[in-house]
Amino acid sequence: MGSRFKILKMHSWTTANIKAWAWMMASMIAICNREPD
């Protein structure tokens, strides 16, 4: 049961990490698009 919980915890951390990375990428793209040529 312990290892099962560890995997679940790792999975949730990975999901949060991907969300944060996606948000950061979206912010970068928005900033780049806002800048004039």
N, C-alpha and C. Protein backbone atom coordinates (compact mmCIF):
# COMPACT_ATOMS: atom_id res chain seq x y z
N MET A 1 0.83 -1.20 0.00
CA MET A 1 0.00 0.00 0.00
C MET A 1 0.87 1.26 0.00
N GLY A 2 2.00 1.17 0.67
CA GLY A 2 2.90 2.33 0.76
C GLY A 2 3.42 2.76 -0.61
N SER A 3 3.87 1.76 -1.40
CA SER A 3 4.41 2.09 -2.72
C SER A 3 3.31 2.60 -3.64
N ARG A 4 2.10 2.05 -3.45
CA ARG A 4 0.97 2.49 -4.26
C ARG A 4 0.69 3.98 -4.01
N PHE A 5 0.74 4.37 -2.76
CA PHE A 5 0.50 5.77 -2.40
C PHE A 5 1.61 6.65 -2.98
N LYS A 6 2.83 6.14 -2.95
CA LYS A 6 3.97 6.90 -3.47
C LYS A 6 3.79 7.18 -4.95
N ILE A 7 3.33 6.16 -5.68
CA ILE A 7 3.11 6.33 -7.12
C ILE A 7 2.01 7.36 -7.37
N LEU A 8 0.95 7.27 -6.57
CA LEU A 8 -0.16 8.22 -6.72
C LEU A 8 0.32 9.64 -6.44
N LYS A 9 1.14 9.78 -5.41
CA LYS A 9 1.68 11.09 -5.04
C LYS A 9 2.56 11.63 -6.17
N MET A 10 3.40 10.77 -6.72
CA MET A 10 4.30 11.17 -7.81
C MET A 10 3.49 11.58 -9.03
N HIS A 11 2.41 10.84 -9.31
CA HIS A 11 1.57 11.15 -10.47
C HIS A 11 0.93 12.52 -10.31
N SER A 12 0.43 12.81 -9.12
CA SER A 12 -0.23 14.11 -8.90
C SER A 12 0.80 15.23 -9.00
N TRP A 13 2.04 14.98 -8.54
CA TRP A 13 3.09 15.99 -8.64
C TRP A 13 3.42 16.24 -10.10
N THR A 14 3.48 15.17 -10.87
CA THR A 14 3.79 15.30 -12.30
C THR A 14 2.70 16.10 -13.01
N THR A 15 1.46 15.82 -12.66
CA THR A 15 0.33 16.54 -13.27
C THR A 15 0.42 18.02 -12.95
N ALA A 16 0.72 18.34 -11.70
CA ALA A 16 0.83 19.74 -11.28
C ALA A 16 1.99 20.40 -12.01
N ASN A 17 3.08 19.65 -12.19
CA ASN A 17 4.27 20.18 -12.86
C ASN A 17 3.95 20.50 -14.32
N ILE A 18 3.22 19.60 -14.98
CA ILE A 18 2.85 19.82 -16.38
C ILE A 18 1.94 21.03 -16.51
N LYS A 19 1.00 21.17 -15.56
CA LYS A 19 0.09 22.33 -15.59
C LYS A 19 0.88 23.62 -15.44
N ALA A 20 1.84 23.64 -14.52
CA ALA A 20 2.65 24.84 -14.29
C ALA A 20 3.48 25.15 -15.54
N TRP A 21 4.04 24.10 -16.16
CA TRP A 21 4.86 24.29 -17.36
C TRP A 21 4.01 24.83 -18.51
N ALA A 22 2.81 24.26 -18.66
CA ALA A 22 1.91 24.70 -19.73
C ALA A 22 1.50 26.16 -19.52
N TRP A 23 1.25 26.52 -18.26
CA TRP A 23 0.86 27.90 -17.95
C TRP A 23 2.01 28.85 -18.27
N MET A 24 3.23 28.43 -17.94
CA MET A 24 4.40 29.26 -18.19
C MET A 24 4.60 29.45 -19.70
N MET A 25 4.44 28.37 -20.46
CA MET A 25 4.59 28.45 -21.92
C MET A 25 3.53 29.37 -22.51
N ALA A 26 2.30 29.27 -22.02
CA ALA A 26 1.21 30.11 -22.51
C ALA A 26 1.52 31.58 -22.23
N SER A 27 2.09 31.84 -21.07
CA SER A 27 2.44 33.22 -20.70
C SER A 27 3.52 33.76 -21.63
N MET A 28 4.52 32.92 -21.90
CA MET A 28 5.62 33.34 -22.78
C MET A 28 5.09 33.65 -24.18
N ILE A 29 4.22 32.80 -24.69
CA ILE A 29 3.65 33.00 -26.03
C ILE A 29 2.82 34.28 -26.05
N ALA A 30 2.05 34.51 -24.99
CA ALA A 30 1.22 35.72 -24.92
C ALA A 30 2.10 36.97 -24.93
N ILE A 31 3.20 36.92 -24.19
CA ILE A 31 4.11 38.07 -24.12
C ILE A 31 4.75 38.31 -25.50
N CYS A 32 5.17 37.23 -26.16
CA CYS A 32 5.79 37.35 -27.48
C CYS A 32 4.80 37.91 -28.50
N ASN A 33 3.56 37.46 -28.44
CA ASN A 33 2.55 37.91 -29.38
C ASN A 33 2.17 39.37 -29.15
N ARG A 34 2.29 39.82 -27.90
CA ARG A 34 1.90 41.19 -27.57
C ARG A 34 2.95 42.20 -28.07
N GLU A 35 4.19 41.77 -28.16
CA GLU A 35 5.25 42.70 -28.58
C GLU A 35 5.09 43.10 -30.04
N PRO A 36 5.26 44.37 -30.35
CA PRO A 36 5.19 44.83 -31.74
C PRO A 36 6.39 44.34 -32.54
N ASP A 37 6.27 44.31 -33.85
CA ASP A 37 7.37 43.84 -34.70
C ASP A 37 8.53 44.80 -34.67
